[in-house]
Amino acid sequence: MKPEKDLSQYDILAVDDVPLNLILLDKMLSRFNIKIRKASNGLEAMREIIAKKPDLVILDLIMPLMDGFEVLQHVREKPELSDLRIIVLSALNKNEDIVRAYNYGTNDFITKPIIFEKLINSIDNQLKLIK
């Protein structure tokens, strides 16, 4: 699977408290010359987002200090971030968790373990929607 456009130009922030997950994500996405910024928890993610708004956030939900639901809530409360594209990538797979994430403002929800083709399709689709 090859994305429809060159994704190397985009600023993508990946947020996960498990360092191995960030390493794996970085290796998977580097196949398409996608470079990611990394944050290891929700507080760090919010600092990164406010310092330099990314084009896309790939966000885990289960994290210490500030979980992904809280990140979604804080991002969607800020008018200047309302158009930020967010893909939740989580081990949570119950319907109520998925619905809750959409209610909090995620643009897509992908469950772990990662199906790479699904993730790259979602990234490609979300980046197409950037104005």
C-alpha atoms as a PDB file:
ATOM      1  CA  MET A   1       0.000   0.000   0.000  1.00  0.00           C
ATOM      2  CA  LYS A   2       1.369   3.377  -0.989  1.00  0.00           C
ATOM      3  CA  PRO A   3      -0.177   6.652   0.176  1.00  0.00           C
ATOM      4  CA  GLU A   4      -1.643   8.882  -2.520  1.00  0.00           C
ATOM      5  CA  LYS A   5       0.753  11.713  -1.748  1.00  0.00           C
ATOM      6  CA  ASP A   6       4.157  12.337  -0.240  1.00  0.00           C
ATOM      7  CA  LEU A   7       3.659  12.232   3.522  1.00  0.00           C
ATOM      8  CA  SER A   8       7.207  13.292   4.407  1.00  0.00           C
ATOM      9  CA  GLN A   9       6.218  16.963   4.428  1.00  0.00           C
ATOM     10  CA  TYR A  10       3.803  16.587   7.334  1.00  0.00           C
ATOM     11  CA  ASP A  11       4.419  17.147  11.030  1.00  0.00           C
ATOM     12  CA  ILE A  12       3.083  14.135  12.917  1.00  0.00           C
ATOM     13  CA  LEU A  13       3.109  13.790  16.689  1.00  0.00           C
ATOM     14  CA  ALA A  14       2.910  10.266  18.146  1.00  0.00           C
ATOM     15  CA  VAL A  15       1.896   9.955  21.793  1.00  0.00           C
ATOM     16  CA  ASP A  16       2.376   6.732  23.760  1.00  0.00           C
ATOM     17  CA  ASP A  17       3.754   6.001  27.217  1.00  0.00           C
ATOM     18  CA  VAL A  18       5.409   2.768  26.050  1.00  0.00           C
ATOM     19  CA  PRO A  19       8.766   3.633  24.438  1.00  0.00           C
ATOM     20  CA  LEU A  20       8.776   0.420  22.398  1.00  0.00           C
ATOM     21  CA  ASN A  21       5.463   1.407  20.787  1.00  0.00           C
ATOM     22  CA  LEU A  22       6.956   4.738  19.695  1.00  0.00           C
ATOM     23  CA  ILE A  23      10.036   2.988  18.300  1.00  0.00           C
ATOM     24  CA  LEU A  24       7.854   0.505  16.399  1.00  0.00           C
ATOM     25  CA  LEU A  25       5.647   3.278  15.039  1.00  0.00           C
ATOM     26  CA  ASP A  26       8.690   5.282  13.981  1.00  0.00           C
ATOM     27  CA  LYS A  27      10.186   2.280  12.141  1.00  0.00           C
ATOM     28  CA  MET A  28       6.885   1.427  10.442  1.00  0.00           C
ATOM     29  CA  LEU A  29       6.253   4.970   9.238  1.00  0.00           C
ATOM     30  CA  SER A  30       9.842   5.594   8.157  1.00  0.00           C
ATOM     31  CA  ARG A  31       9.173   3.216   5.240  1.00  0.00           C
ATOM     32  CA  PHE A  32       7.203   6.133   3.759  1.00  0.00           C
ATOM     33  CA  ASN A  33       9.713   8.791   4.837  1.00  0.00           C
ATOM     34  CA  ILE A  34       7.325   9.855   7.569  1.00  0.00           C
ATOM     35  CA  LYS A  35       9.169  11.339  10.500  1.00  0.00           C
ATOM     36  CA  ILE A  36       7.350  11.671  13.801  1.00  0.00           C
ATOM     37  CA  ARG A  37       7.780  13.802  16.861  1.00  0.00           C
ATOM     38  CA  LYS A  38       7.229  11.823  20.046  1.00  0.00           C
ATOM     39  CA  ALA A  39       5.586  12.445  23.390  1.00  0.00           C
ATOM     40  CA  SER A  40       5.447   9.934  26.227  1.00  0.00           C
ATOM     41  CA  ASN A  41       2.313  11.157  28.018  1.00  0.00           C
ATOM     42  CA  GLY A  42      -0.633  13.493  27.654  1.00  0.00           C
ATOM     43  CA  LEU A  43       0.973  16.458  29.410  1.00  0.00           C
ATOM     44  CA  GLU A  44       4.007  16.262  27.161  1.00  0.00           C
ATOM     45  CA  ALA A  45       1.686  15.938  24.155  1.00  0.00           C
ATOM     46  CA  MET A  46      -0.211  19.095  25.097  1.00  0.00           C
ATOM     47  CA  ARG A  47       3.060  21.010  25.494  1.00  0.00           C
ATOM     48  CA  GLU A  48       4.184  19.821  22.041  1.00  0.00           C
ATOM     49  CA  ILE A  49       0.819  20.625  20.436  1.00  0.00           C
ATOM     50  CA  ILE A  50       0.721  24.129  21.903  1.00  0.00           C
ATOM     51  CA  ALA A  51       4.391  24.851  21.119  1.00  0.00           C
ATOM     52  CA  LYS A  52       4.023  23.806  17.471  1.00  0.00           C
ATOM     53  CA  LYS A  53       0.693  22.570  16.208  1.00  0.00           C
ATOM     54  CA  PRO A  54       1.265  19.331  14.273  1.00  0.00           C
ATOM     55  CA  ASP A  55      -0.667  18.338  11.174  1.00  0.00           C
ATOM     56  CA  LEU A  56      -1.718  15.066  12.796  1.00  0.00           C
ATOM     57  CA  VAL A  57      -1.598  13.394  16.208  1.00  0.00           C
ATOM     58  CA  ILE A  58      -1.492   9.623  16.714  1.00  0.00           C
ATOM     59  CA  LEU A  59      -2.724   9.257  20.277  1.00  0.00           C
ATOM     60  CA  ASP A  60      -2.757   6.415  22.776  1.00  0.00           C
ATOM     61  CA  LEU A  61      -5.551   6.520  25.367  1.00  0.00           C
ATOM     62  CA  ILE A  62      -4.083   4.739  28.376  1.00  0.00           C
ATOM     63  CA  MET A  63      -1.285   6.911  29.765  1.00  0.00           C
ATOM     64  CA  PRO A  64      -0.191   8.333  33.115  1.00  0.00           C
ATOM     65  CA  LEU A  65      -0.457  12.012  34.105  1.00  0.00           C
ATOM     66  CA  MET A  66      -3.047  12.827  31.428  1.00  0.00           C
ATOM     67  CA  ASP A  67      -4.779  10.140  29.422  1.00  0.00           C
ATOM     68  CA  GLY A  68      -5.759  10.346  25.767  1.00  0.00           C
ATOM     69  CA  PHE A  69      -9.380  11.217  26.541  1.00  0.00           C
ATOM     70  CA  GLU A  70      -8.186  14.258  28.489  1.00  0.00           C
ATOM     71  CA  VAL A  71      -5.891  15.264  25.619  1.00  0.00           C
ATOM     72  CA  LEU A  72      -8.815  15.037  23.202  1.00  0.00           C
ATOM     73  CA  GLN A  73     -10.969  17.122  25.521  1.00  0.00           C
ATOM     74  CA  HIS A  74      -8.321  19.837  25.977  1.00  0.00           C
ATOM     75  CA  VAL A  75      -7.544  19.992  22.253  1.00  0.00           C
ATOM     76  CA  ARG A  76     -11.202  20.244  21.237  1.00  0.00           C
ATOM     77  CA  GLU A  77     -11.841  23.016  23.800  1.00  0.00           C
ATOM     78  CA  LYS A  78      -9.271  25.261  22.100  1.00  0.00           C
ATOM     79  CA  PRO A  79     -10.630  27.009  18.962  1.00  0.00           C
ATOM     80  CA  GLU A  80      -7.141  27.291  17.447  1.00  0.00           C
ATOM     81  CA  LEU A  81      -6.785  23.480  17.625  1.00  0.00           C
ATOM     82  CA  SER A  82     -10.318  22.524  16.601  1.00  0.00           C
ATOM     83  CA  ASP A  83      -9.198  21.393  13.140  1.00  0.00           C
ATOM     84  CA  LEU A  84      -6.296  19.262  14.403  1.00  0.00           C
ATOM     85  CA  ARG A  85      -6.544  15.757  12.938  1.00  0.00           C
ATOM     86  CA  ILE A  86      -6.275  13.027  15.603  1.00  0.00           C
ATOM     87  CA  ILE A  87      -6.083   9.257  15.197  1.00  0.00           C
ATOM     88  CA  VAL A  88      -6.500   7.245  18.372  1.00  0.00           C
ATOM     89  CA  LEU A  89      -4.298   4.144  18.424  1.00  0.00           C
ATOM     90  CA  SER A  90      -5.232   2.132  21.493  1.00  0.00           C
ATOM     91  CA  ALA A  91      -5.434  -1.316  23.048  1.00  0.00           C
ATOM     92  CA  LEU A  92      -8.918  -0.386  24.249  1.00  0.00           C
ATOM     93  CA  ASN A  93     -11.401  -2.096  21.979  1.00  0.00           C
ATOM     94  CA  LYS A  94     -14.735  -2.038  23.775  1.00  0.00           C
ATOM     95  CA  ASN A  95     -17.534  -0.258  21.971  1.00  0.00           C
ATOM     96  CA  GLU A  96     -18.011   2.199  24.837  1.00  0.00           C
ATOM     97  CA  ASP A  97     -14.323   3.221  24.669  1.00  0.00           C
ATOM     98  CA  ILE A  98     -14.478   3.709  20.909  1.00  0.00           C
ATOM     99  CA  VAL A  99     -17.710   5.717  21.131  1.00  0.00           C
ATOM    100  CA  ARG A 100     -16.273   7.780  23.994  1.00  0.00           C
ATOM    101  CA  ALA A 101     -13.171   8.610  21.933  1.00  0.00           C
ATOM    102  CA  TYR A 102     -15.336   9.755  19.015  1.00  0.00           C
ATOM    103  CA  ASN A 103     -17.501  11.779  21.408  1.00  0.00           C
ATOM    104  CA  TYR A 104     -14.350  13.467  22.689  1.00  0.00           C
ATOM    105  CA  GLY A 105     -13.363  14.348  19.126  1.00  0.00           C
ATOM    106  CA  THR A 106     -11.089  11.753  17.581  1.00  0.00           C
ATOM    107  CA  ASN A 107     -11.137  11.617  13.796  1.00  0.00           C
ATOM    108  CA  ASP A 108     -10.379   7.893  13.617  1.00  0.00           C
ATOM    109  CA  PHE A 109      -9.873   4.977  15.993  1.00  0.00           C
ATOM    110  CA  ILE A 110      -7.494   2.080  15.381  1.00  0.00           C
ATOM    111  CA  THR A 111      -7.002  -0.756  17.829  1.00  0.00           C
ATOM    112  CA  LYS A 112      -3.730  -2.403  18.771  1.00  0.00           C
ATOM    113  CA  PRO A 113      -2.048  -4.578  17.738  1.00  0.00           C
ATOM    114  CA  ILE A 114      -1.409  -2.293  14.801  1.00  0.00           C
ATOM    115  CA  ILE A 115      -2.491  -3.365  11.349  1.00  0.00           C
ATOM    116  CA  PHE A 116       0.016  -1.283   9.436  1.00  0.00           C
ATOM    117  CA  GLU A 117      -2.020  -0.939   6.229  1.00  0.00           C
ATOM    118  CA  LYS A 118      -5.008   0.321   8.212  1.00  0.00           C
ATOM    119  CA  LEU A 119      -2.869   2.877  10.032  1.00  0.00           C
ATOM    120  CA  ILE A 120      -1.170   4.206   6.898  1.00  0.00           C
ATOM    121  CA  ASN A 121      -4.573   4.432   5.150  1.00  0.00           C
ATOM    122  CA  SER A 122      -5.950   6.389   8.079  1.00  0.00           C
ATOM    123  CA  ILE A 123      -2.940   8.724   8.142  1.00  0.00           C
ATOM    124  CA  ASP A 124      -3.242   9.291   4.394  1.00  0.00           C
ATOM    125  CA  ASN A 125      -6.998   9.931   4.638  1.00  0.00           C
ATOM    126  CA  GLN A 126      -6.667  12.345   7.558  1.00  0.00           C
ATOM    127  CA  LEU A 127      -3.891  14.319   5.906  1.00  0.00           C
ATOM    128  CA  LYS A 128      -6.004  14.682   2.744  1.00  0.00           C
ATOM    129  CA  LEU A 129      -8.496  16.634   4.837  1.00  0.00           C
ATOM    130  CA  ILE A 130      -6.010  19.308   5.904  1.00  0.00           C
ATOM    131  CA  LYS A 131      -6.813  22.628   4.316  1.00  0.00           C
END
